[in-house]
Amino acid sequence: MKKTIVLGATPNADRYAYQAVCLLSEKGHEVIPVGIRKGNIEGILIQNGMPIIENVDTITLYINEKLQPNYYDYIFSLNPKRLIFNPGTENMALISLAKARGIEIEIGCTLVMLRIGIY
């Protein structure tokens, strides 16, 4: 299974990032929620700040384009194989930088990808 960071995680159950953590876990993926708010998602502790995480397969973004530049160095330091831009997070600058580093880009919804089996 793919170790996945949900960047922009929140303890608010109404948010898609929360739902993504739940569904990733339900589907058997190792999921690490990273966000600015403290809390947990179905018992999974939300990591705050920019924690060092090894062997990252995928980072799925739930932060808007304006806030993403603050995370560029962090994202690249994790050396992910894939970066998923969920609806509302599309950012051509980050896409270009990631592609130049050989990172696979997906523009789509993590929840849909998981539900239809193409994650």
PDB file of N, CA and C in Angstrom:
ATOM      1  N   MET A   1       0.829  -1.176   0.000  1.00  0.00           N
ATOM      2  CA  MET A   1       0.000   0.000   0.000  1.00  0.00           C
ATOM      3  C   MET A   1       0.880   1.249   0.000  1.00  0.00           C
ATOM      4  N   LYS A   2       0.295   2.354  -0.389  1.00  0.00           N
ATOM      5  CA  LYS A   2       1.058   3.585  -0.592  1.00  0.00           C
ATOM      6  C   LYS A   2       1.024   4.486   0.631  1.00  0.00           C
ATOM      7  N   LYS A   3       2.219   4.768   1.198  1.00  0.00           N
ATOM      8  CA  LYS A   3       2.285   5.714   2.311  1.00  0.00           C
ATOM      9  C   LYS A   3       1.918   7.084   1.764  1.00  0.00           C
ATOM     10  N   THR A   4       0.880   7.660   2.347  1.00  0.00           N
ATOM     11  CA  THR A   4       0.324   8.900   1.830  1.00  0.00           C
ATOM     12  C   THR A   4       0.264   9.959   2.917  1.00  0.00           C
ATOM     13  N   ILE A   5       0.715  11.154   2.563  1.00  0.00           N
ATOM     14  CA  ILE A   5       0.565  12.313   3.430  1.00  0.00           C
ATOM     15  C   ILE A   5      -0.620  13.115   2.922  1.00  0.00           C
ATOM     16  N   VAL A   6      -1.531  13.423   3.820  1.00  0.00           N
ATOM     17  CA  VAL A   6      -2.635  14.324   3.500  1.00  0.00           C
ATOM     18  C   VAL A   6      -2.207  15.691   4.031  1.00  0.00           C
ATOM     19  N   LEU A   7      -1.777  16.563   3.116  1.00  0.00           N
ATOM     20  CA  LEU A   7      -1.272  17.880   3.496  1.00  0.00           C
ATOM     21  C   LEU A   7      -2.427  18.871   3.495  1.00  0.00           C
ATOM     22  N   GLY A   8      -2.723  19.380   4.689  1.00  0.00           N
ATOM     23  CA  GLY A   8      -3.885  20.242   4.868  1.00  0.00           C
ATOM     24  C   GLY A   8      -4.956  19.541   5.672  1.00  0.00           C
ATOM     25  N   ALA A   9      -4.546  18.509   6.414  1.00  0.00           N
ATOM     26  CA  ALA A   9      -5.487  17.735   7.229  1.00  0.00           C
ATOM     27  C   ALA A   9      -6.088  18.615   8.323  1.00  0.00           C
ATOM     28  N   THR A  10      -7.289  18.272   8.711  1.00  0.00           N
ATOM     29  CA  THR A  10      -8.023  19.021   9.720  1.00  0.00           C
ATOM     30  C   THR A  10      -8.887  18.068  10.545  1.00  0.00           C
ATOM     31  N   PRO A  11      -9.118  18.400  11.818  1.00  0.00           N
ATOM     32  CA  PRO A  11     -10.009  17.572  12.618  1.00  0.00           C
ATOM     33  C   PRO A  11     -11.496  17.834  12.342  1.00  0.00           C
ATOM     34  N   ASN A  12     -11.799  18.689  11.391  1.00  0.00           N
ATOM     35  CA  ASN A  12     -13.179  19.007  11.029  1.00  0.00           C
ATOM     36  C   ASN A  12     -13.718  17.923  10.097  1.00  0.00           C
ATOM     37  N   ALA A  13     -14.660  17.117  10.608  1.00  0.00           N
ATOM     38  CA  ALA A  13     -15.185  15.974   9.856  1.00  0.00           C
ATOM     39  C   ALA A  13     -15.937  16.365   8.592  1.00  0.00           C
ATOM     40  N   ASP A  14     -16.307  17.624   8.456  1.00  0.00           N
ATOM     41  CA  ASP A  14     -17.016  18.077   7.263  1.00  0.00           C
ATOM     42  C   ASP A  14     -16.085  18.354   6.082  1.00  0.00           C
ATOM     43  N   ARG A  15     -14.792  18.353   6.316  1.00  0.00           N
ATOM     44  CA  ARG A  15     -13.822  18.709   5.268  1.00  0.00           C
ATOM     45  C   ARG A  15     -13.376  17.470   4.491  1.00  0.00           C
ATOM     46  N   TYR A  16     -13.081  17.686   3.211  1.00  0.00           N
ATOM     47  CA  TYR A  16     -12.654  16.583   2.350  1.00  0.00           C
ATOM     48  C   TYR A  16     -11.325  15.978   2.804  1.00  0.00           C
ATOM     49  N   ALA A  17     -10.433  16.797   3.361  1.00  0.00           N
ATOM     50  CA  ALA A  17      -9.157  16.272   3.843  1.00  0.00           C
ATOM     51  C   ALA A  17      -9.384  15.244   4.956  1.00  0.00           C
ATOM     52  N   TYR A  18     -10.331  15.507   5.831  1.00  0.00           N
ATOM     53  CA  TYR A  18     -10.687  14.574   6.901  1.00  0.00           C
ATOM     54  C   TYR A  18     -11.192  13.274   6.283  1.00  0.00           C
ATOM     55  N   GLN A  19     -12.100  13.408   5.337  1.00  0.00           N
ATOM     56  CA  GLN A  19     -12.677  12.236   4.686  1.00  0.00           C
ATOM     57  C   GLN A  19     -11.617  11.429   3.950  1.00  0.00           C
ATOM     58  N   ALA A  20     -10.639  12.117   3.357  1.00  0.00           N
ATOM     59  CA  ALA A  20      -9.563  11.424   2.639  1.00  0.00           C
ATOM     60  C   ALA A  20      -8.731  10.582   3.595  1.00  0.00           C
ATOM     61  N   VAL A  21      -8.422  11.128   4.770  1.00  0.00           N
ATOM     62  CA  VAL A  21      -7.658  10.363   5.762  1.00  0.00           C
ATOM     63  C   VAL A  21      -8.426   9.095   6.135  1.00  0.00           C
ATOM     64  N   CYS A  22      -9.713   9.250   6.377  1.00  0.00           N
ATOM     65  CA  CYS A  22     -10.544   8.099   6.764  1.00  0.00           C
ATOM     66  C   CYS A  22     -10.573   7.038   5.663  1.00  0.00           C
ATOM     67  N   LEU A  23     -10.801   7.456   4.425  1.00  0.00           N
ATOM     68  CA  LEU A  23     -10.924   6.495   3.325  1.00  0.00           C
ATOM     69  C   LEU A  23      -9.584   5.849   2.989  1.00  0.00           C
ATOM     70  N   LEU A  24      -8.507   6.620   3.032  1.00  0.00           N
ATOM     71  CA  LEU A  24      -7.180   6.030   2.805  1.00  0.00           C
ATOM     72  C   LEU A  24      -6.900   4.942   3.836  1.00  0.00           C
ATOM     73  N   SER A  25      -7.181   5.242   5.096  1.00  0.00           N
ATOM     74  CA  SER A  25      -6.968   4.273   6.166  1.00  0.00           C
ATOM     75  C   SER A  25      -7.861   3.043   5.966  1.00  0.00           C
ATOM     76  N   GLU A  26      -9.119   3.286   5.631  1.00  0.00           N
ATOM     77  CA  GLU A  26     -10.070   2.188   5.407  1.00  0.00           C
ATOM     78  C   GLU A  26      -9.610   1.267   4.276  1.00  0.00           C
ATOM     79  N   LYS A  27      -8.971   1.860   3.259  1.00  0.00           N
ATOM     80  CA  LYS A  27      -8.506   1.078   2.108  1.00  0.00           C
ATOM     81  C   LYS A  27      -7.142   0.438   2.350  1.00  0.00           C
ATOM     82  N   GLY A  28      -6.597   0.619   3.560  1.00  0.00           N
ATOM     83  CA  GLY A  28      -5.362  -0.066   3.921  1.00  0.00           C
ATOM     84  C   GLY A  28      -4.079   0.695   3.674  1.00  0.00           C
ATOM     85  N   HIS A  29      -4.170   1.957   3.291  1.00  0.00           N
ATOM     86  CA  HIS A  29      -2.964   2.755   3.067  1.00  0.00           C
ATOM     87  C   HIS A  29      -2.459   3.321   4.385  1.00  0.00           C
ATOM     88  N   GLU A  30      -1.150   3.407   4.506  1.00  0.00           N
ATOM     89  CA  GLU A  30      -0.577   4.107   5.655  1.00  0.00           C
ATOM     90  C   GLU A  30      -0.759   5.589   5.385  1.00  0.00           C
ATOM     91  N   VAL A  31      -1.501   6.256   6.237  1.00  0.00           N
ATOM     92  CA  VAL A  31      -1.827   7.656   6.006  1.00  0.00           C
ATOM     93  C   VAL A  31      -1.318   8.510   7.155  1.00  0.00           C
ATOM     94  N   ILE A  32      -0.712   9.630   6.800  1.00  0.00           N
ATOM     95  CA  ILE A  32      -0.183  10.556   7.789  1.00  0.00           C
ATOM     96  C   ILE A  32      -0.808  11.921   7.522  1.00  0.00           C
ATOM     97  N   PRO A  33      -1.732  12.333   8.394  1.00  0.00           N
ATOM     98  CA  PRO A  33      -2.321  13.657   8.224  1.00  0.00           C
ATOM     99  C   PRO A  33      -1.362  14.726   8.754  1.00  0.00           C
ATOM    100  N   VAL A  34      -1.149  15.768   7.951  1.00  0.00           N
ATOM    101  CA  VAL A  34      -0.301  16.885   8.347  1.00  0.00           C
ATOM    102  C   VAL A  34      -1.125  18.154   8.177  1.00  0.00           C
ATOM    103  N   GLY A  35      -1.219  18.929   9.237  1.00  0.00           N
ATOM    104  CA  GLY A  35      -2.011  20.150   9.182  1.00  0.00           C
ATOM    105  C   GLY A  35      -1.578  21.145  10.237  1.00  0.00           C
ATOM    106  N   ILE A  36      -2.244  22.281  10.248  1.00  0.00           N
ATOM    107  CA  ILE A  36      -1.880  23.331  11.204  1.00  0.00           C
ATOM    108  C   ILE A  36      -2.695  23.248  12.487  1.00  0.00           C
ATOM    109  N   ARG A  37      -3.818  22.549  12.455  1.00  0.00           N
ATOM    110  CA  ARG A  37      -4.660  22.406  13.641  1.00  0.00           C
ATOM    111  C   ARG A  37      -4.364  21.092  14.351  1.00  0.00           C
ATOM    112  N   LYS A  38      -4.295  21.160  15.664  1.00  0.00           N
ATOM    113  CA  LYS A  38      -4.070  19.954  16.463  1.00  0.00           C
ATOM    114  C   LYS A  38      -5.344  19.128  16.494  1.00  0.00           C
ATOM    115  N   GLY A  39      -5.182  17.838  16.677  1.00  0.00           N
ATOM    116  CA  GLY A  39      -6.330  16.964  16.781  1.00  0.00           C
ATOM    117  C   GLY A  39      -6.032  15.609  16.191  1.00  0.00           C
ATOM    118  N   ASN A  40      -7.096  14.845  15.973  1.00  0.00           N
ATOM    119  CA  ASN A  40      -6.932  13.539  15.359  1.00  0.00           C
ATOM    120  C   ASN A  40      -8.111  13.272  14.447  1.00  0.00           C
ATOM    121  N   ILE A  41      -7.908  12.309  13.591  1.00  0.00           N
ATOM    122  CA  ILE A  41      -8.929  11.891  12.633  1.00  0.00           C
ATOM    123  C   ILE A  41      -9.124  10.399  12.838  1.00  0.00           C
ATOM    124  N   GLU A  42     -10.257  10.047  13.426  1.00  0.00           N
ATOM    125  CA  GLU A  42     -10.567   8.641  13.694  1.00  0.00           C
ATOM    126  C   GLU A  42      -9.403   7.949  14.401  1.00  0.00           C
ATOM    127  N   GLY A  43      -8.807   8.657  15.370  1.00  0.00           N
ATOM    128  CA  GLY A  43      -7.724   8.087  16.156  1.00  0.00           C
ATOM    129  C   GLY A  43      -6.332   8.269  15.573  1.00  0.00           C
ATOM    130  N   ILE A  44      -6.224   8.845  14.382  1.00  0.00           N
ATOM    131  CA  ILE A  44      -4.914   9.094  13.761  1.00  0.00           C
ATOM    132  C   ILE A  44      -4.522  10.533  14.087  1.00  0.00           C
ATOM    133  N   LEU A  45      -3.424  10.706  14.789  1.00  0.00           N
ATOM    134  CA  LEU A  45      -2.967  12.017  15.219  1.00  0.00           C
ATOM    135  C   LEU A  45      -2.557  12.876  14.031  1.00  0.00           C
ATOM    136  N   ILE A  46      -3.043  14.112  14.001  1.00  0.00           N
ATOM    137  CA  ILE A  46      -2.620  15.056  12.970  1.00  0.00           C
ATOM    138  C   ILE A  46      -1.243  15.588  13.362  1.00  0.00           C
ATOM    139  N   GLN A  47      -0.280  15.420  12.470  1.00  0.00           N
ATOM    140  CA  GLN A  47       1.068  15.938  12.685  1.00  0.00           C
ATOM    141  C   GLN A  47       1.060  17.427  12.360  1.00  0.00           C
ATOM    142  N   ASN A  48       1.673  18.231  13.216  1.00  0.00           N
ATOM    143  CA  ASN A  48       1.733  19.671  12.984  1.00  0.00           C
ATOM    144  C   ASN A  48       3.112  20.079  12.521  1.00  0.00           C
ATOM    145  N   GLY A  49       3.173  21.234  11.870  1.00  0.00           N
ATOM    146  CA  GLY A  49       4.439  21.733  11.354  1.00  0.00           C
ATOM    147  C   GLY A  49       4.816  21.000  10.083  1.00  0.00           C
ATOM    148  N   MET A  50       6.087  20.696   9.966  1.00  0.00           N
ATOM    149  CA  MET A  50       6.599  20.009   8.785  1.00  0.00           C
ATOM    150  C   MET A  50       7.432  18.811   9.234  1.00  0.00           C
ATOM    151  N   PRO A  51       6.748  17.765   9.690  1.00  0.00           N
ATOM    152  CA  PRO A  51       7.473  16.604  10.229  1.00  0.00           C
ATOM    153  C   PRO A  51       8.268  15.865   9.155  1.00  0.00           C
ATOM    154  N   ILE A  52       9.380  15.329   9.570  1.00  0.00           N
ATOM    155  CA  ILE A  52      10.195  14.506   8.675  1.00  0.00           C
ATOM    156  C   ILE A  52       9.533  13.133   8.586  1.00  0.00           C
ATOM    157  N   ILE A  53       9.249  12.713   7.367  1.00  0.00           N
ATOM    158  CA  ILE A  53       8.580  11.440   7.137  1.00  0.00           C
ATOM    159  C   ILE A  53       9.344  10.710   6.040  1.00  0.00           C
ATOM    160  N   GLU A  54       9.671   9.474   6.289  1.00  0.00           N
ATOM    161  CA  GLU A  54      10.459   8.670   5.350  1.00  0.00           C
ATOM    162  C   GLU A  54       9.559   7.859   4.417  1.00  0.00           C
ATOM    163  N   ASN A  55      10.091   7.518   3.254  1.00  0.00           N
ATOM    164  CA  ASN A  55       9.456   6.592   2.304  1.00  0.00           C
ATOM    165  C   ASN A  55       8.041   6.995   1.899  1.00  0.00           C
ATOM    166  N   VAL A  56       7.887   8.258   1.537  1.00  0.00           N
ATOM    167  CA  VAL A  56       6.582   8.780   1.126  1.00  0.00           C
ATOM    168  C   VAL A  56       6.323   8.408  -0.330  1.00  0.00           C
ATOM    169  N   ASP A  57       5.189   7.793  -0.572  1.00  0.00           N
ATOM    170  CA  ASP A  57       4.791   7.510  -1.942  1.00  0.00           C
ATOM    171  C   ASP A  57       4.031   8.695  -2.519  1.00  0.00           C
ATOM    172  N   THR A  58       3.014   9.157  -1.799  1.00  0.00           N
ATOM    173  CA  THR A  58       2.092  10.153  -2.331  1.00  0.00           C
ATOM    174  C   THR A  58       1.851  11.265  -1.318  1.00  0.00           C
ATOM    175  N   ILE A  59       1.787  12.487  -1.820  1.00  0.00           N
ATOM    176  CA  ILE A  59       1.276  13.613  -1.043  1.00  0.00           C
ATOM    177  C   ILE A  59       0.023  14.081  -1.756  1.00  0.00           C
ATOM    178  N   THR A  60      -1.086  14.108  -1.032  1.00  0.00           N
ATOM    179  CA  THR A  60      -2.327  14.605  -1.592  1.00  0.00           C
ATOM    180  C   THR A  60      -2.613  15.961  -0.955  1.00  0.00           C
ATOM    181  N   LEU A  61      -2.786  16.961  -1.807  1.00  0.00           N
ATOM    182  CA  LEU A  61      -2.881  18.342  -1.345  1.00  0.00           C
ATOM    183  C   LEU A  61      -4.310  18.775  -1.062  1.00  0.00           C
ATOM    184  N   TYR A  62      -4.466  19.395   0.104  1.00  0.00           N
ATOM    185  CA  TYR A  62      -5.727  20.016   0.492  1.00  0.00           C
ATOM    186  C   TYR A  62      -5.465  21.423   1.017  1.00  0.00           C
ATOM    187  N   ILE A  63      -4.458  22.096   0.450  1.00  0.00           N
ATOM    188  CA  ILE A  63      -4.197  23.497   0.766  1.00  0.00           C
ATOM    189  C   ILE A  63      -4.245  24.285  -0.528  1.00  0.00           C
ATOM    190  N   ASN A  64      -4.772  25.491  -0.438  1.00  0.00           N
ATOM    191  CA  ASN A  64      -4.971  26.255  -1.669  1.00  0.00           C
ATOM    192  C   ASN A  64      -3.661  26.782  -2.241  1.00  0.00           C
ATOM    193  N   GLU A  65      -3.748  27.180  -3.481  1.00  0.00           N
ATOM    194  CA  GLU A  65      -2.572  27.604  -4.247  1.00  0.00           C
ATOM    195  C   GLU A  65      -1.796  28.726  -3.558  1.00  0.00           C
ATOM    196  N   LYS A  66      -2.481  29.652  -2.936  1.00  0.00           N
ATOM    197  CA  LYS A  66      -1.812  30.797  -2.303  1.00  0.00           C
ATOM    198  C   LYS A  66      -0.934  30.382  -1.131  1.00  0.00           C
ATOM    199  N   LEU A  67      -1.307  29.332  -0.426  1.00  0.00           N
ATOM    200  CA  LEU A  67      -0.532  28.872   0.729  1.00  0.00           C
ATOM    201  C   LEU A  67       0.563  27.872   0.355  1.00  0.00           C
ATOM    202  N   GLN A  68       0.463  27.271  -0.812  1.00  0.00           N
ATOM    203  CA  GLN A  68       1.396  26.214  -1.200  1.00  0.00           C
ATOM    204  C   GLN A  68       2.865  26.631  -1.251  1.00  0.00           C
ATOM    205  N   PRO A  69       3.210  27.862  -1.690  1.00  0.00           N
ATOM    206  CA  PRO A  69       4.643  28.206  -1.731  1.00  0.00           C
ATOM    207  C   PRO A  69       5.349  28.023  -0.390  1.00  0.00           C
ATOM    208  N   ASN A  70       4.630  28.173   0.704  1.00  0.00           N
ATOM    209  CA  ASN A  70       5.223  27.962   2.029  1.00  0.00           C
ATOM    210  C   ASN A  70       5.640  26.509   2.241  1.00  0.00           C
ATOM    211  N   TYR A  71       5.116  25.612   1.423  1.00  0.00           N
ATOM    212  CA  TYR A  71       5.355  24.176   1.584  1.00  0.00           C
ATOM    213  C   TYR A  71       6.225  23.571   0.488  1.00  0.00           C
ATOM    214  N   TYR A  72       6.643  24.332  -0.495  1.00  0.00           N
ATOM    215  CA  TYR A  72       7.426  23.771  -1.605  1.00  0.00           C
ATOM    216  C   TYR A  72       8.649  23.004  -1.097  1.00  0.00           C
ATOM    217  N   ASP A  73       9.475  23.653  -0.291  1.00  0.00           N
ATOM    218  CA  ASP A  73      10.696  22.994   0.194  1.00  0.00           C
ATOM    219  C   ASP A  73      10.357  21.748   1.001  1.00  0.00           C
ATOM    220  N   TYR A  74       9.315  21.832   1.806  1.00  0.00           N
ATOM    221  CA  TYR A  74       8.901  20.686   2.608  1.00  0.00           C
ATOM    222  C   TYR A  74       8.469  19.529   1.718  1.00  0.00           C
ATOM    223  N   ILE A  75       7.615  19.815   0.753  1.00  0.00           N
ATOM    224  CA  ILE A  75       7.126  18.781  -0.166  1.00  0.00           C
ATOM    225  C   ILE A  75       8.300  18.084  -0.847  1.00  0.00           C
ATOM    226  N   PHE A  76       9.227  18.855  -1.375  1.00  0.00           N
ATOM    227  CA  PHE A  76      10.348  18.262  -2.101  1.00  0.00           C
ATOM    228  C   PHE A  76      11.313  17.533  -1.161  1.00  0.00           C
ATOM    229  N   SER A  77      11.402  17.969   0.103  1.00  0.00           N
ATOM    230  CA  SER A  77      12.289  17.287   1.050  1.00  0.00           C
ATOM    231  C   SER A  77      11.789  15.876   1.363  1.00  0.00           C
ATOM    232  N   LEU A  78      10.509  15.624   1.181  1.00  0.00           N
ATOM    233  CA  LEU A  78       9.934  14.307   1.446  1.00  0.00           C
ATOM    234  C   LEU A  78      10.137  13.338   0.287  1.00  0.00           C
ATOM    235  N   ASN A  79      10.564  13.868  -0.852  1.00  0.00           N
ATOM    236  CA  ASN A  79      10.860  13.061  -2.026  1.00  0.00           C
ATOM    237  C   ASN A  79       9.708  12.118  -2.413  1.00  0.00           C
ATOM    238  N   PRO A  80       8.503  12.675  -2.583  1.00  0.00           N
ATOM    239  CA  PRO A  80       7.374  11.810  -2.944  1.00  0.00           C
ATOM    240  C   PRO A  80       7.486  11.318  -4.378  1.00  0.00           C
ATOM    241  N   LYS A  81       6.870  10.189  -4.644  1.00  0.00           N
ATOM    242  CA  LYS A  81       6.806   9.681  -6.014  1.00  0.00           C
ATOM    243  C   LYS A  81       5.677  10.365  -6.784  1.00  0.00           C
ATOM    244  N   ARG A  82       4.622  10.775  -6.030  1.00  0.00           N
ATOM    245  CA  ARG A  82       3.427  11.317  -6.677  1.00  0.00           C
ATOM    246  C   ARG A  82       2.859  12.455  -5.840  1.00  0.00           C
ATOM    247  N   LEU A  83       2.275  13.421  -6.550  1.00  0.00           N
ATOM    248  CA  LEU A  83       1.624  14.570  -5.938  1.00  0.00           C
ATOM    249  C   LEU A  83       0.224  14.671  -6.535  1.00  0.00           C
ATOM    250  N   ILE A  84      -0.788  14.656  -5.672  1.00  0.00           N
ATOM    251  CA  ILE A  84      -2.170  14.752  -6.142  1.00  0.00           C
ATOM    252  C   ILE A  84      -2.710  16.141  -5.831  1.00  0.00           C
ATOM    253  N   PHE A  85      -3.196  16.808  -6.863  1.00  0.00           N
ATOM    254  CA  PHE A  85      -3.834  18.114  -6.722  1.00  0.00           C
ATOM    255  C   PHE A  85      -5.338  17.900  -6.732  1.00  0.00           C
ATOM    256  N   ASN A  86      -5.938  17.969  -5.544  1.00  0.00           N
ATOM    257  CA  ASN A  86      -7.381  17.826  -5.428  1.00  0.00           C
ATOM    258  C   ASN A  86      -8.055  19.086  -5.964  1.00  0.00           C
ATOM    259  N   PRO A  87      -9.349  19.018  -6.285  1.00  0.00           N
ATOM    260  CA  PRO A  87     -10.045  20.204  -6.808  1.00  0.00           C
ATOM    261  C   PRO A  87      -9.836  21.424  -5.905  1.00  0.00           C
ATOM    262  N   GLY A  88      -9.453  22.524  -6.533  1.00  0.00           N
ATOM    263  CA  GLY A  88      -9.203  23.768  -5.812  1.00  0.00           C
ATOM    264  C   GLY A  88      -7.768  23.955  -5.383  1.00  0.00           C
ATOM    265  N   THR A  89      -6.912  22.965  -5.630  1.00  0.00           N
ATOM    266  CA  THR A  89      -5.506  23.074  -5.227  1.00  0.00           C
ATOM    267  C   THR A  89      -4.558  23.160  -6.423  1.00  0.00           C
ATOM    268  N   GLU A  90      -5.103  23.176  -7.625  1.00  0.00           N
ATOM    269  CA  GLU A  90      -4.273  23.175  -8.821  1.00  0.00           C
ATOM    270  C   GLU A  90      -3.339  24.393  -8.810  1.00  0.00           C
ATOM    271  N   ASN A  91      -2.083  24.161  -9.174  1.00  0.00           N
ATOM    272  CA  ASN A  91      -1.056  25.204  -9.111  1.00  0.00           C
ATOM    273  C   ASN A  91       0.004  24.886 -10.159  1.00  0.00           C
ATOM    274  N   MET A  92      -0.019  25.616 -11.255  1.00  0.00           N
ATOM    275  CA  MET A  92       0.894  25.336 -12.371  1.00  0.00           C
ATOM    276  C   MET A  92       2.363  25.490 -11.974  1.00  0.00           C
ATOM    277  N   ALA A  93       2.664  26.436 -11.098  1.00  0.00           N
ATOM    278  CA  ALA A  93       4.057  26.620 -10.680  1.00  0.00           C
ATOM    279  C   ALA A  93       4.563  25.372  -9.952  1.00  0.00           C
ATOM    280  N   LEU A  94       3.779  24.871  -9.011  1.00  0.00           N
ATOM    281  CA  LEU A  94       4.186  23.675  -8.270  1.00  0.00           C
ATOM    282  C   LEU A  94       4.199  22.449  -9.175  1.00  0.00           C
ATOM    283  N   ILE A  95       3.245  22.368 -10.077  1.00  0.00           N
ATOM    284  CA  ILE A  95       3.224  21.246 -11.026  1.00  0.00           C
ATOM    285  C   ILE A  95       4.507  21.232 -11.849  1.00  0.00           C
ATOM    286  N   SER A  96       4.915  22.386 -12.351  1.00  0.00           N
ATOM    287  CA  SER A  96       6.143  22.469 -13.154  1.00  0.00           C
ATOM    288  C   SER A  96       7.375  22.087 -12.341  1.00  0.00           C
ATOM    289  N   LEU A  97       7.463  22.600 -11.132  1.00  0.00           N
ATOM    290  CA  LEU A  97       8.606  22.275 -10.262  1.00  0.00           C
ATOM    291  C   LEU A  97       8.656  20.784  -9.948  1.00  0.00           C
ATOM    292  N   ALA A  98       7.502  20.207  -9.682  1.00  0.00           N
ATOM    293  CA  ALA A  98       7.442  18.784  -9.353  1.00  0.00           C
ATOM    294  C   ALA A  98       7.816  17.923 -10.559  1.00  0.00           C
ATOM    295  N   LYS A  99       7.281  18.256 -11.714  1.00  0.00           N
ATOM    296  CA  LYS A  99       7.606  17.499 -12.931  1.00  0.00           C
ATOM    297  C   LYS A  99       9.101  17.551 -13.220  1.00  0.00           C
ATOM    298  N   ALA A 100       9.717  18.706 -12.992  1.00  0.00           N
ATOM    299  CA  ALA A 100      11.151  18.855 -13.234  1.00  0.00           C
ATOM    300  C   ALA A 100      11.966  17.951 -12.308  1.00  0.00           C
ATOM    301  N   ARG A 101      11.387  17.558 -11.188  1.00  0.00           N
ATOM    302  CA  ARG A 101      12.043  16.660 -10.232  1.00  0.00           C
ATOM    303  C   ARG A 101      11.630  15.207 -10.437  1.00  0.00           C
ATOM    304  N   GLY A 102      10.868  14.940 -11.479  1.00  0.00           N
ATOM    305  CA  GLY A 102      10.464  13.573 -11.785  1.00  0.00           C
ATOM    306  C   GLY A 102       9.306  13.061 -10.949  1.00  0.00           C
ATOM    307  N   ILE A 103       8.562  13.952 -10.331  1.00  0.00           N
ATOM    308  CA  ILE A 103       7.428  13.558  -9.501  1.00  0.00           C
ATOM    309  C   ILE A 103       6.198  13.412 -10.396  1.00  0.00           C
ATOM    310  N   GLU A 104       5.509  12.299 -10.259  1.00  0.00           N
ATOM    311  CA  GLU A 104       4.278  12.054 -11.014  1.00  0.00           C
ATOM    312  C   GLU A 104       3.193  13.003 -10.506  1.00  0.00           C
ATOM    313  N   ILE A 105       2.434  13.559 -11.423  1.00  0.00           N
ATOM    314  CA  ILE A 105       1.383  14.516 -11.094  1.00  0.00           C
ATOM    315  C   ILE A 105       0.023  13.919 -11.414  1.00  0.00           C
ATOM    316  N   GLU A 106      -0.904  14.058 -10.479  1.00  0.00           N
ATOM    317  CA  GLU A 106      -2.303  13.680 -10.699  1.00  0.00           C
ATOM    318  C   GLU A 106      -3.139  14.910 -10.380  1.00  0.00           C
ATOM    319  N   ILE A 107      -4.031  15.265 -11.278  1.00  0.00           N
ATOM    320  CA  ILE A 107      -5.001  16.318 -11.012  1.00  0.00           C
ATOM    321  C   ILE A 107      -6.345  15.624 -10.951  1.00  0.00           C
ATOM    322  N   GLY A 108      -6.857  15.487  -9.741  1.00  0.00           N
ATOM    323  CA  GLY A 108      -8.085  14.744  -9.551  1.00  0.00           C
ATOM    324  C   GLY A 108      -8.455  14.714  -8.091  1.00  0.00           C
ATOM    325  N   CYS A 109      -9.478  13.980  -7.774  1.00  0.00           N
ATOM    326  CA  CYS A 109      -9.983  13.898  -6.417  1.00  0.00           C
ATOM    327  C   CYS A 109      -9.546  12.576  -5.778  1.00  0.00           C
ATOM    328  N   THR A 110      -8.808  12.666  -4.698  1.00  0.00           N
ATOM    329  CA  THR A 110      -8.350  11.475  -3.995  1.00  0.00           C
ATOM    330  C   THR A 110      -9.521  10.580  -3.605  1.00  0.00           C
ATOM    331  N   LEU A 111     -10.602  11.174  -3.122  1.00  0.00           N
ATOM    332  CA  LEU A 111     -11.767  10.390  -2.707  1.00  0.00           C
ATOM    333  C   LEU A 111     -12.349   9.604  -3.868  1.00  0.00           C
ATOM    334  N   VAL A 112     -12.481  10.231  -5.017  1.00  0.00           N
ATOM    335  CA  VAL A 112     -13.012   9.547  -6.199  1.00  0.00           C
ATOM    336  C   VAL A 112     -12.048   8.460  -6.650  1.00  0.00           C
ATOM    337  N   MET A 113     -10.758   8.787  -6.692  1.00  0.00           N
ATOM    338  CA  MET A 113      -9.758   7.809  -7.121  1.00  0.00           C
ATOM    339  C   MET A 113      -9.816   6.554  -6.259  1.00  0.00           C
ATOM    340  N   LEU A 114      -9.950   6.740  -4.947  1.00  0.00           N
ATOM    341  CA  LEU A 114     -10.031   5.595  -4.036  1.00  0.00           C
ATOM    342  C   LEU A 114     -11.311   4.795  -4.263  1.00  0.00           C
ATOM    343  N   ARG A 115     -12.406   5.500  -4.447  1.00  0.00           N
ATOM    344  CA  ARG A 115     -13.709   4.818  -4.587  1.00  0.00           C
ATOM    345  C   ARG A 115     -13.831   4.017  -5.867  1.00  0.00           C
ATOM    346  N   ILE A 116     -13.174   4.497  -6.937  1.00  0.00           N
ATOM    347  CA  ILE A 116     -13.298   3.759  -8.207  1.00  0.00           C
ATOM    348  C   ILE A 116     -12.092   2.844  -8.470  1.00  0.00           C
ATOM    349  N   GLY A 117     -11.178   2.781  -7.511  1.00  0.00           N
ATOM    350  CA  GLY A 117     -10.093   1.823  -7.599  1.00  0.00           C
ATOM    351  C   GLY A 117      -8.917   2.209  -8.481  1.00  0.00           C
ATOM    352  N   ILE A 118      -8.691   3.524  -8.682  1.00  0.00           N
ATOM    353  CA  ILE A 118      -7.555   3.942  -9.509  1.00  0.00           C
ATOM    354  C   ILE A 118      -6.502   4.695  -8.704  1.00  0.00           C
ATOM    355  N   TYR A 119      -6.546   4.569  -7.377  1.00  0.00           N
ATOM    356  CA  TYR A 119      -5.598   5.269  -6.540  1.00  0.00           C
ATOM    357  C   TYR A 119      -4.210   4.673  -6.709  1.00  0.00           C
TER     358      TYR A 119
END
